[in-house]
Amino acid sequence: MITKNMIIGECISRYPETADYLMKMGFHCIGCFAAGFETLEQGLKSHGKSKEEIEKIIKDLNKLIK
């Protein structure tokens, strides 16, 4: 299960299918050095996503991995 507290790099490593979705959402942190220590929530917030948008993205990511 993917949570907002998951490290970006861990998410991509464990669930590679999430990379395309995140890129489509304007989240290009996949290759960024911060992906090794920043959480999904931190990264999404830094890209201007609201709490509601973050919750939706996390739900969508979990649908992708099922």
PDB file of N, CA and C in Angstrom:
ATOM      1  N   MET A   1       0.841  -1.189   0.000  1.00  0.00           N
ATOM      2  CA  MET A   1       0.000   0.000   0.000  1.00  0.00           C
ATOM      3  C   MET A   1       0.884   1.249   0.000  1.00  0.00           C
ATOM      4  N   ILE A   2       0.482   2.205  -0.792  1.00  0.00           N
ATOM      5  CA  ILE A   2       1.203   3.472  -0.892  1.00  0.00           C
ATOM      6  C   ILE A   2       0.555   4.468   0.062  1.00  0.00           C
ATOM      7  N   THR A   3       1.403   5.182   0.806  1.00  0.00           N
ATOM      8  CA  THR A   3       0.911   6.222   1.711  1.00  0.00           C
ATOM      9  C   THR A   3       1.616   7.537   1.382  1.00  0.00           C
ATOM     10  N   LYS A   4       1.076   8.615   1.897  1.00  0.00           N
ATOM     11  CA  LYS A   4       1.677   9.931   1.659  1.00  0.00           C
ATOM     12  C   LYS A   4       3.041  10.046   2.328  1.00  0.00           C
ATOM     13  N   ASN A   5       3.317   9.182   3.308  1.00  0.00           N
ATOM     14  CA  ASN A   5       4.588   9.214   4.025  1.00  0.00           C
ATOM     15  C   ASN A   5       5.659   8.337   3.391  1.00  0.00           C
ATOM     16  N   MET A   6       5.338   7.690   2.275  1.00  0.00           N
ATOM     17  CA  MET A   6       6.306   6.833   1.588  1.00  0.00           C
ATOM     18  C   MET A   6       7.328   7.707   0.858  1.00  0.00           C
ATOM     19  N   ILE A   7       8.584   7.295   0.907  1.00  0.00           N
ATOM     20  CA  ILE A   7       9.639   7.997   0.183  1.00  0.00           C
ATOM     21  C   ILE A   7       9.395   7.823  -1.319  1.00  0.00           C
ATOM     22  N   ILE A   8       9.573   8.891  -2.067  1.00  0.00           N
ATOM     23  CA  ILE A   8       9.294   8.876  -3.511  1.00  0.00           C
ATOM     24  C   ILE A   8      10.053   7.745  -4.198  1.00  0.00           C
ATOM     25  N   GLY A   9      11.340   7.653  -3.937  1.00  0.00           N
ATOM     26  CA  GLY A   9      12.164   6.624  -4.565  1.00  0.00           C
ATOM     27  C   GLY A   9      11.703   5.218  -4.231  1.00  0.00           C
ATOM     28  N   GLU A  10      11.258   5.014  -2.995  1.00  0.00           N
ATOM     29  CA  GLU A  10      10.754   3.707  -2.571  1.00  0.00           C
ATOM     30  C   GLU A  10       9.487   3.363  -3.346  1.00  0.00           C
ATOM     31  N   CYS A  11       8.622   4.341  -3.516  1.00  0.00           N
ATOM     32  CA  CYS A  11       7.371   4.123  -4.255  1.00  0.00           C
ATOM     33  C   CYS A  11       7.674   3.688  -5.682  1.00  0.00           C
ATOM     34  N   ILE A  12       8.555   4.415  -6.344  1.00  0.00           N
ATOM     35  CA  ILE A  12       8.889   4.105  -7.742  1.00  0.00           C
ATOM     36  C   ILE A  12       9.606   2.757  -7.848  1.00  0.00           C
ATOM     37  N   SER A  13      10.474   2.492  -6.889  1.00  0.00           N
ATOM     38  CA  SER A  13      11.222   1.231  -6.896  1.00  0.00           C
ATOM     39  C   SER A  13      10.307   0.024  -6.694  1.00  0.00           C
ATOM     40  N   ARG A  14       9.403   0.129  -5.731  1.00  0.00           N
ATOM     41  CA  ARG A  14       8.498  -0.984  -5.427  1.00  0.00           C
ATOM     42  C   ARG A  14       7.378  -1.116  -6.443  1.00  0.00           C
ATOM     43  N   TYR A  15       6.931   0.022  -6.967  1.00  0.00           N
ATOM     44  CA  TYR A  15       5.786   0.036  -7.877  1.00  0.00           C
ATOM     45  C   TYR A  15       6.121   0.881  -9.118  1.00  0.00           C
ATOM     46  N   PRO A  16       6.937   0.365 -10.026  1.00  0.00           N
ATOM     47  CA  PRO A  16       7.366   1.141 -11.197  1.00  0.00           C
ATOM     48  C   PRO A  16       6.214   1.669 -12.053  1.00  0.00           C
ATOM     49  N   GLU A  17       5.081   0.992 -11.979  1.00  0.00           N
ATOM     50  CA  GLU A  17       3.926   1.421 -12.774  1.00  0.00           C
ATOM     51  C   GLU A  17       3.385   2.783 -12.335  1.00  0.00           C
ATOM     52  N   THR A  18       3.801   3.277 -11.165  1.00  0.00           N
ATOM     53  CA  THR A  18       3.327   4.571 -10.684  1.00  0.00           C
ATOM     54  C   THR A  18       4.068   5.739 -11.328  1.00  0.00           C
ATOM     55  N   ALA A  19       5.221   5.479 -11.915  1.00  0.00           N
ATOM     56  CA  ALA A  19       6.049   6.548 -12.483  1.00  0.00           C
ATOM     57  C   ALA A  19       5.310   7.337 -13.562  1.00  0.00           C
ATOM     58  N   ASP A  20       4.680   6.655 -14.506  1.00  0.00           N
ATOM     59  CA  ASP A  20       3.968   7.347 -15.585  1.00  0.00           C
ATOM     60  C   ASP A  20       2.851   8.227 -15.049  1.00  0.00           C
ATOM     61  N   TYR A  21       2.103   7.701 -14.089  1.00  0.00           N
ATOM     62  CA  TYR A  21       1.002   8.486 -13.513  1.00  0.00           C
ATOM     63  C   TYR A  21       1.543   9.750 -12.855  1.00  0.00           C
ATOM     64  N   LEU A  22       2.597   9.601 -12.067  1.00  0.00           N
ATOM     65  CA  LEU A  22       3.163  10.763 -11.376  1.00  0.00           C
ATOM     66  C   LEU A  22       3.683  11.791 -12.376  1.00  0.00           C
ATOM     67  N   MET A  23       4.318  11.324 -13.443  1.00  0.00           N
ATOM     68  CA  MET A  23       4.816  12.245 -14.469  1.00  0.00           C
ATOM     69  C   MET A  23       3.657  13.003 -15.124  1.00  0.00           C
ATOM     70  N   LYS A  24       2.551  12.306 -15.381  1.00  0.00           N
ATOM     71  CA  LYS A  24       1.387  12.947 -15.986  1.00  0.00           C
ATOM     72  C   LYS A  24       0.773  13.997 -15.061  1.00  0.00           C
ATOM     73  N   MET A  25       0.974  13.820 -13.757  1.00  0.00           N
ATOM     74  CA  MET A  25       0.454  14.770 -12.776  1.00  0.00           C
ATOM     75  C   MET A  25       1.395  15.964 -12.591  1.00  0.00           C
ATOM     76  N   GLY A  26       2.477  16.018 -13.387  1.00  0.00           N
ATOM     77  CA  GLY A  26       3.427  17.119 -13.286  1.00  0.00           C
ATOM     78  C   GLY A  26       4.460  16.921 -12.198  1.00  0.00           C
ATOM     79  N   PHE A  27       4.588  15.708 -11.751  1.00  0.00           N
ATOM     80  CA  PHE A  27       5.479  15.364 -10.641  1.00  0.00           C
ATOM     81  C   PHE A  27       6.718  14.699 -11.223  1.00  0.00           C
ATOM     82  N   HIS A  28       7.719  15.509 -11.535  1.00  0.00           N
ATOM     83  CA  HIS A  28       8.902  15.017 -12.223  1.00  0.00           C
ATOM     84  C   HIS A  28      10.055  14.732 -11.273  1.00  0.00           C
ATOM     85  N   CYS A  29       9.749  14.471 -10.020  1.00  0.00           N
ATOM     86  CA  CYS A  29      10.770  14.223  -8.992  1.00  0.00           C
ATOM     87  C   CYS A  29      11.367  12.824  -9.082  1.00  0.00           C
ATOM     88  N   ILE A  30      10.905  12.053  -9.992  1.00  0.00           N
ATOM     89  CA  ILE A  30      11.306  10.661 -10.075  1.00  0.00           C
ATOM     90  C   ILE A  30      12.823  10.525 -10.184  1.00  0.00           C
ATOM     91  N   GLY A  31      13.457  11.356 -10.997  1.00  0.00           N
ATOM     92  CA  GLY A  31      14.904  11.291 -11.160  1.00  0.00           C
ATOM     93  C   GLY A  31      15.662  12.307 -10.322  1.00  0.00           C
ATOM     94  N   CYS A  32      14.968  13.046  -9.518  1.00  0.00           N
ATOM     95  CA  CYS A  32      15.563  14.100  -8.699  1.00  0.00           C
ATOM     96  C   CYS A  32      16.278  13.501  -7.488  1.00  0.00           C
ATOM     97  N   PHE A  33      17.331  14.171  -7.039  1.00  0.00           N
ATOM     98  CA  PHE A  33      18.057  13.683  -5.866  1.00  0.00           C
ATOM     99  C   PHE A  33      17.166  13.618  -4.632  1.00  0.00           C
ATOM    100  N   ALA A  34      16.164  14.470  -4.552  1.00  0.00           N
ATOM    101  CA  ALA A  34      15.268  14.496  -3.393  1.00  0.00           C
ATOM    102  C   ALA A  34      14.402  13.245  -3.303  1.00  0.00           C
ATOM    103  N   ALA A  35      14.284  12.505  -4.389  1.00  0.00           N
ATOM    104  CA  ALA A  35      13.451  11.296  -4.393  1.00  0.00           C
ATOM    105  C   ALA A  35      13.951  10.260  -3.403  1.00  0.00           C
ATOM    106  N   GLY A  36      15.205  10.376  -2.995  1.00  0.00           N
ATOM    107  CA  GLY A  36      15.774   9.412  -2.057  1.00  0.00           C
ATOM    108  C   GLY A  36      15.434   9.680  -0.610  1.00  0.00           C
ATOM    109  N   PHE A  37      14.929  10.882  -0.309  1.00  0.00           N
ATOM    110  CA  PHE A  37      14.619  11.188   1.092  1.00  0.00           C
ATOM    111  C   PHE A  37      13.309  11.938   1.300  1.00  0.00           C
ATOM    112  N   GLU A  38      12.710  12.427   0.241  1.00  0.00           N
ATOM    113  CA  GLU A  38      11.473  13.195   0.359  1.00  0.00           C
ATOM    114  C   GLU A  38      10.260  12.268   0.244  1.00  0.00           C
ATOM    115  N   THR A  39       9.239  12.526   1.038  1.00  0.00           N
ATOM    116  CA  THR A  39       8.018  11.724   0.963  1.00  0.00           C
ATOM    117  C   THR A  39       7.159  12.200  -0.208  1.00  0.00           C
ATOM    118  N   LEU A  40       6.209  11.358  -0.583  1.00  0.00           N
ATOM    119  CA  LEU A  40       5.270  11.750  -1.631  1.00  0.00           C
ATOM    120  C   LEU A  40       4.552  13.038  -1.248  1.00  0.00           C
ATOM    121  N   GLU A  41       4.113  13.126  -0.012  1.00  0.00           N
ATOM    122  CA  GLU A  41       3.402  14.321   0.435  1.00  0.00           C
ATOM    123  C   GLU A  41       4.285  15.563   0.320  1.00  0.00           C
ATOM    124  N   GLN A  42       5.522  15.469   0.775  1.00  0.00           N
ATOM    125  CA  GLN A  42       6.428  16.616   0.699  1.00  0.00           C
ATOM    126  C   GLN A  42       6.644  17.039  -0.752  1.00  0.00           C
ATOM    127  N   GLY A  43       6.883  16.066  -1.603  1.00  0.00           N
ATOM    128  CA  GLY A  43       7.109  16.365  -3.012  1.00  0.00           C
ATOM    129  C   GLY A  43       5.893  16.974  -3.680  1.00  0.00           C
ATOM    130  N   LEU A  44       4.732  16.399  -3.404  1.00  0.00           N
ATOM    131  CA  LEU A  44       3.504  16.914  -4.010  1.00  0.00           C
ATOM    132  C   LEU A  44       3.184  18.309  -3.499  1.00  0.00           C
ATOM    133  N   LYS A  45       3.410  18.554  -2.214  1.00  0.00           N
ATOM    134  CA  LYS A  45       3.189  19.898  -1.664  1.00  0.00           C
ATOM    135  C   LYS A  45       4.123  20.905  -2.327  1.00  0.00           C
ATOM    136  N   SER A  46       5.389  20.508  -2.518  1.00  0.00           N
ATOM    137  CA  SER A  46       6.351  21.428  -3.123  1.00  0.00           C
ATOM    138  C   SER A  46       6.000  21.727  -4.583  1.00  0.00           C
ATOM    139  N   HIS A  47       5.146  20.893  -5.174  1.00  0.00           N
ATOM    140  CA  HIS A  47       4.678  21.137  -6.538  1.00  0.00           C
ATOM    141  C   HIS A  47       3.292  21.775  -6.546  1.00  0.00           C
ATOM    142  N   GLY A  48       2.884  22.313  -5.398  1.00  0.00           N
ATOM    143  CA  GLY A  48       1.662  23.096  -5.328  1.00  0.00           C
ATOM    144  C   GLY A  48       0.373  22.313  -5.176  1.00  0.00           C
ATOM    145  N   LYS A  49       0.461  21.024  -4.867  1.00  0.00           N
ATOM    146  CA  LYS A  49      -0.753  20.223  -4.708  1.00  0.00           C
ATOM    147  C   LYS A  49      -1.380  20.475  -3.334  1.00  0.00           C
ATOM    148  N   SER A  50      -2.694  20.565  -3.318  1.00  0.00           N
ATOM    149  CA  SER A  50      -3.432  20.763  -2.067  1.00  0.00           C
ATOM    150  C   SER A  50      -3.574  19.437  -1.328  1.00  0.00           C
ATOM    151  N   LYS A  51      -4.020  19.519  -0.097  1.00  0.00           N
ATOM    152  CA  LYS A  51      -4.245  18.309   0.705  1.00  0.00           C
ATOM    153  C   LYS A  51      -5.221  17.372  -0.006  1.00  0.00           C
ATOM    154  N   GLU A  52      -6.273  17.929  -0.564  1.00  0.00           N
ATOM    155  CA  GLU A  52      -7.281  17.133  -1.261  1.00  0.00           C
ATOM    156  C   GLU A  52      -6.695  16.481  -2.515  1.00  0.00           C
ATOM    157  N   GLU A  53      -5.890  17.240  -3.249  1.00  0.00           N
ATOM    158  CA  GLU A  53      -5.257  16.690  -4.445  1.00  0.00           C
ATOM    159  C   GLU A  53      -4.295  15.551  -4.077  1.00  0.00           C
ATOM    160  N   ILE A  54      -3.560  15.738  -2.995  1.00  0.00           N
ATOM    161  CA  ILE A  54      -2.625  14.705  -2.539  1.00  0.00           C
ATOM    162  C   ILE A  54      -3.383  13.435  -2.174  1.00  0.00           C
ATOM    163  N   GLU A  55      -4.475  13.581  -1.452  1.00  0.00           N
ATOM    164  CA  GLU A  55      -5.278  12.412  -1.072  1.00  0.00           C
ATOM    165  C   GLU A  55      -5.785  11.672  -2.305  1.00  0.00           C
ATOM    166  N   LYS A  56      -6.226  12.414  -3.323  1.00  0.00           N
ATOM    167  CA  LYS A  56      -6.713  11.791  -4.558  1.00  0.00           C
ATOM    168  C   LYS A  56      -5.577  11.076  -5.284  1.00  0.00           C
ATOM    169  N   ILE A  57      -4.439  11.696  -5.360  1.00  0.00           N
ATOM    170  CA  ILE A  57      -3.292  11.089  -6.041  1.00  0.00           C
ATOM    171  C   ILE A  57      -2.889   9.794  -5.340  1.00  0.00           C
ATOM    172  N   ILE A  58      -2.848   9.794  -4.015  1.00  0.00           N
ATOM    173  CA  ILE A  58      -2.487   8.584  -3.264  1.00  0.00           C
ATOM    174  C   ILE A  58      -3.517   7.478  -3.532  1.00  0.00           C
ATOM    175  N   LYS A  59      -4.795   7.826  -3.549  1.00  0.00           N
ATOM    176  CA  LYS A  59      -5.840   6.844  -3.855  1.00  0.00           C
ATOM    177  C   LYS A  59      -5.649   6.285  -5.260  1.00  0.00           C
ATOM    178  N   ASP A  60      -5.385   7.165  -6.213  1.00  0.00           N
ATOM    179  CA  ASP A  60      -5.173   6.735  -7.598  1.00  0.00           C
ATOM    180  C   ASP A  60      -3.961   5.809  -7.712  1.00  0.00           C
ATOM    181  N   LEU A  61      -2.895   6.150  -7.003  1.00  0.00           N
ATOM    182  CA  LEU A  61      -1.695   5.301  -7.034  1.00  0.00           C
ATOM    183  C   LEU A  61      -2.002   3.910  -6.494  1.00  0.00           C
ATOM    184  N   ASN A  62      -2.769   3.858  -5.428  1.00  0.00           N
ATOM    185  CA  ASN A  62      -3.114   2.543  -4.857  1.00  0.00           C
ATOM    186  C   ASN A  62      -4.008   1.732  -5.784  1.00  0.00           C
ATOM    187  N   LYS A  63      -4.848   2.398  -6.576  1.00  0.00           N
ATOM    188  CA  LYS A  63      -5.652   1.686  -7.576  1.00  0.00           C
ATOM    189  C   LYS A  63      -4.764   1.104  -8.657  1.00  0.00           C
ATOM    190  N   LEU A  64      -3.709   1.827  -9.007  1.00  0.00           N
ATOM    191  CA  LEU A  64      -2.793   1.355 -10.047  1.00  0.00           C
ATOM    192  C   LEU A  64      -2.058   0.077  -9.668  1.00  0.00           C
ATOM    193  N   ILE A  65      -1.765  -0.082  -8.394  1.00  0.00           N
ATOM    194  CA  ILE A  65      -0.939  -1.221  -7.979  1.00  0.00           C
ATOM    195  C   ILE A  65      -1.752  -2.458  -7.623  1.00  0.00           C
ATOM    196  N   LYS A  66      -3.064  -2.369  -7.686  1.00  0.00           N
ATOM    197  CA  LYS A  66      -3.904  -3.522  -7.338  1.00  0.00           C
ATOM    198  C   LYS A  66      -4.142  -4.398  -8.520  1.00  0.00           C
TER     199      LYS A  66
END
